[in-house]
Amino acid sequence: MPGGYARPPIDASIGLILPLRMEQHCKNGLEIARFLESHSAISRVIYPRLESHPHHELAKRQMIGGFGGIASFQLKGGIGAAVSFAEKFTCLFTPPHWDICAA
């Protein structure tokens, strides 16, 4: 590094821990997607690691490092079921760092 810059210790720990965290993140995403797929109130789960995903084979070729931890789903019963589901949450919030981006 030019100028004798020494990287802070946090950089080293992130470099060591991040791959493990991402691996677990992907495993958790798959577990959640499989749970949702088996739930009687769910009509569709959108997660490329699931074989039921229409682009599963393409995703396997392109997403070599993992499939991520985010799954989408649709409830049986349409928009009414979705509104009813969302109204049951009492603790939805925006993370503080998103407020900075919106400013």
C-alpha atoms as a PDB file:
ATOM      1  CA  MET A   1       0.000   0.000   0.000  1.00  0.00           C
ATOM      2  CA  PRO A   2       1.357   3.449  -0.839  1.00  0.00           C
ATOM      3  CA  GLY A   3       2.271   5.808   1.993  1.00  0.00           C
ATOM      4  CA  GLY A   4       2.728   3.082   4.605  1.00  0.00           C
ATOM      5  CA  TYR A   5      -1.006   2.563   5.011  1.00  0.00           C
ATOM      6  CA  ALA A   6      -1.836  -0.229   7.432  1.00  0.00           C
ATOM      7  CA  ARG A   7      -5.239  -1.816   7.070  1.00  0.00           C
ATOM      8  CA  PRO A   8      -7.384  -1.766  10.187  1.00  0.00           C
ATOM      9  CA  PRO A   9      -7.894  -5.110  11.968  1.00  0.00           C
ATOM     10  CA  ILE A  10     -11.596  -5.149  11.055  1.00  0.00           C
ATOM     11  CA  ASP A  11     -10.633  -5.541   7.376  1.00  0.00           C
ATOM     12  CA  ALA A  12      -8.796  -8.778   8.143  1.00  0.00           C
ATOM     13  CA  SER A  13     -11.607 -10.189  10.254  1.00  0.00           C
ATOM     14  CA  ILE A  14     -14.212  -9.386   7.599  1.00  0.00           C
ATOM     15  CA  GLY A  15     -12.057 -11.099   4.978  1.00  0.00           C
ATOM     16  CA  LEU A  16     -11.882 -14.242   7.089  1.00  0.00           C
ATOM     17  CA  ILE A  17     -15.487 -14.305   8.303  1.00  0.00           C
ATOM     18  CA  LEU A  18     -17.429 -13.088   5.267  1.00  0.00           C
ATOM     19  CA  PRO A  19     -17.130 -16.302   3.215  1.00  0.00           C
ATOM     20  CA  LEU A  20     -18.422 -18.323   6.179  1.00  0.00           C
ATOM     21  CA  ARG A  21     -21.254 -15.882   6.781  1.00  0.00           C
ATOM     22  CA  MET A  22     -22.277 -15.932   3.112  1.00  0.00           C
ATOM     23  CA  GLU A  23     -22.226 -19.735   3.036  1.00  0.00           C
ATOM     24  CA  GLN A  24     -24.563 -19.823   6.037  1.00  0.00           C
ATOM     25  CA  HIS A  25     -26.694 -17.046   4.497  1.00  0.00           C
ATOM     26  CA  CYS A  26     -27.243 -19.225   1.410  1.00  0.00           C
ATOM     27  CA  LYS A  27     -28.034 -22.306   3.513  1.00  0.00           C
ATOM     28  CA  ASN A  28     -30.572 -20.311   5.524  1.00  0.00           C
ATOM     29  CA  GLY A  29     -32.175 -19.004   2.326  1.00  0.00           C
ATOM     30  CA  LEU A  30     -32.625 -22.530   1.002  1.00  0.00           C
ATOM     31  CA  GLU A  31     -34.046 -23.770   4.295  1.00  0.00           C
ATOM     32  CA  ILE A  32     -36.561 -20.918   4.398  1.00  0.00           C
ATOM     33  CA  ALA A  33     -37.516 -21.452   0.744  1.00  0.00           C
ATOM     34  CA  ARG A  34     -38.099 -25.174   1.331  1.00  0.00           C
ATOM     35  CA  PHE A  35     -40.198 -24.412   4.401  1.00  0.00           C
ATOM     36  CA  LEU A  36     -42.296 -21.904   2.464  1.00  0.00           C
ATOM     37  CA  GLU A  37     -42.700 -24.324  -0.447  1.00  0.00           C
ATOM     38  CA  SER A  38     -44.171 -26.928   1.909  1.00  0.00           C
ATOM     39  CA  HIS A  39     -46.513 -24.497   3.699  1.00  0.00           C
ATOM     40  CA  SER A  40     -50.211 -24.908   2.920  1.00  0.00           C
ATOM     41  CA  ALA A  41     -50.868 -21.128   2.769  1.00  0.00           C
ATOM     42  CA  ILE A  42     -48.205 -20.511   0.106  1.00  0.00           C
ATOM     43  CA  SER A  43     -49.026 -20.819  -3.586  1.00  0.00           C
ATOM     44  CA  ARG A  44     -45.579 -20.066  -5.037  1.00  0.00           C
ATOM     45  CA  VAL A  45     -42.001 -19.655  -3.844  1.00  0.00           C
ATOM     46  CA  ILE A  46     -39.484 -17.791  -5.976  1.00  0.00           C
ATOM     47  CA  TYR A  47     -35.947 -18.936  -5.144  1.00  0.00           C
ATOM     48  CA  PRO A  48     -33.586 -20.082  -7.901  1.00  0.00           C
ATOM     49  CA  ARG A  49     -32.051 -22.926  -5.875  1.00  0.00           C
ATOM     50  CA  LEU A  50     -35.415 -24.725  -5.764  1.00  0.00           C
ATOM     51  CA  GLU A  51     -35.908 -27.187  -8.594  1.00  0.00           C
ATOM     52  CA  SER A  52     -39.429 -25.806  -8.978  1.00  0.00           C
ATOM     53  CA  HIS A  53     -37.998 -22.444 -10.087  1.00  0.00           C
ATOM     54  CA  PRO A  54     -38.460 -22.046 -13.872  1.00  0.00           C
ATOM     55  CA  HIS A  55     -34.836 -20.965 -14.362  1.00  0.00           C
ATOM     56  CA  HIS A  56     -33.225 -23.367 -11.891  1.00  0.00           C
ATOM     57  CA  GLU A  57     -30.814 -24.902 -14.451  1.00  0.00           C
ATOM     58  CA  LEU A  58     -29.689 -21.483 -15.681  1.00  0.00           C
ATOM     59  CA  ALA A  59     -29.207 -20.297 -12.085  1.00  0.00           C
ATOM     60  CA  LYS A  60     -27.060 -23.352 -11.302  1.00  0.00           C
ATOM     61  CA  ARG A  61     -24.728 -22.385 -14.153  1.00  0.00           C
ATOM     62  CA  GLN A  62     -24.614 -18.674 -13.359  1.00  0.00           C
ATOM     63  CA  MET A  63     -24.767 -18.527  -9.552  1.00  0.00           C
ATOM     64  CA  ILE A  64     -21.592 -20.472  -8.861  1.00  0.00           C
ATOM     65  CA  GLY A  65     -20.844 -18.839  -5.505  1.00  0.00           C
ATOM     66  CA  GLY A  66     -24.286 -19.511  -4.029  1.00  0.00           C
ATOM     67  CA  PHE A  67     -27.921 -18.636  -4.477  1.00  0.00           C
ATOM     68  CA  GLY A  68     -28.228 -15.992  -1.783  1.00  0.00           C
ATOM     69  CA  GLY A  69     -30.588 -15.795   1.137  1.00  0.00           C
ATOM     70  CA  ILE A  70     -33.608 -13.976  -0.270  1.00  0.00           C
ATOM     71  CA  ALA A  71     -36.751 -15.842  -1.276  1.00  0.00           C
ATOM     72  CA  SER A  72     -40.048 -14.371  -2.448  1.00  0.00           C
ATOM     73  CA  PHE A  73     -43.407 -16.016  -2.047  1.00  0.00           C
ATOM     74  CA  GLN A  74     -47.047 -15.612  -2.964  1.00  0.00           C
ATOM     75  CA  LEU A  75     -49.870 -16.433  -0.614  1.00  0.00           C
ATOM     76  CA  LYS A  76     -52.955 -18.367  -1.599  1.00  0.00           C
ATOM     77  CA  GLY A  77     -55.916 -16.009  -1.500  1.00  0.00           C
ATOM     78  CA  GLY A  78     -54.412 -13.131  -3.466  1.00  0.00           C
ATOM     79  CA  ILE A  79     -54.107  -9.543  -2.313  1.00  0.00           C
ATOM     80  CA  GLY A  80     -56.583  -9.978   0.547  1.00  0.00           C
ATOM     81  CA  ALA A  81     -54.464 -12.737   2.051  1.00  0.00           C
ATOM     82  CA  ALA A  82     -51.319 -10.644   1.579  1.00  0.00           C
ATOM     83  CA  VAL A  83     -52.854  -7.632   3.345  1.00  0.00           C
ATOM     84  CA  SER A  84     -54.108  -9.806   6.181  1.00  0.00           C
ATOM     85  CA  PHE A  85     -50.647 -11.379   6.501  1.00  0.00           C
ATOM     86  CA  ALA A  86     -48.882  -7.989   6.557  1.00  0.00           C
ATOM     87  CA  GLU A  87     -51.304  -6.550   9.125  1.00  0.00           C
ATOM     88  CA  LYS A  88     -50.252  -9.248  11.593  1.00  0.00           C
ATOM     89  CA  PHE A  89     -46.723  -7.838  11.810  1.00  0.00           C
ATOM     90  CA  THR A  90     -46.115  -5.507  14.716  1.00  0.00           C
ATOM     91  CA  CYS A  91     -42.417  -4.824  14.263  1.00  0.00           C
ATOM     92  CA  LEU A  92     -41.625  -3.837  10.680  1.00  0.00           C
ATOM     93  CA  PHE A  93     -38.962  -1.156  10.436  1.00  0.00           C
ATOM     94  CA  THR A  94     -36.491   0.430   8.061  1.00  0.00           C
ATOM     95  CA  PRO A  95     -32.869  -0.163   9.021  1.00  0.00           C
ATOM     96  CA  PRO A  96     -31.149   3.128   9.957  1.00  0.00           C
ATOM     97  CA  HIS A  97     -28.684   2.997   7.061  1.00  0.00           C
ATOM     98  CA  TRP A  98     -31.570   3.036   4.563  1.00  0.00           C
ATOM     99  CA  ASP A  99     -32.669   6.408   5.961  1.00  0.00           C
ATOM    100  CA  ILE A 100     -29.327   7.867   4.910  1.00  0.00           C
ATOM    101  CA  CYS A 101     -29.841   6.650   1.330  1.00  0.00           C
ATOM    102  CA  ALA A 102     -33.344   8.131   1.174  1.00  0.00           C
ATOM    103  CA  ALA A 103     -32.233  11.607   2.309  1.00  0.00           C
END
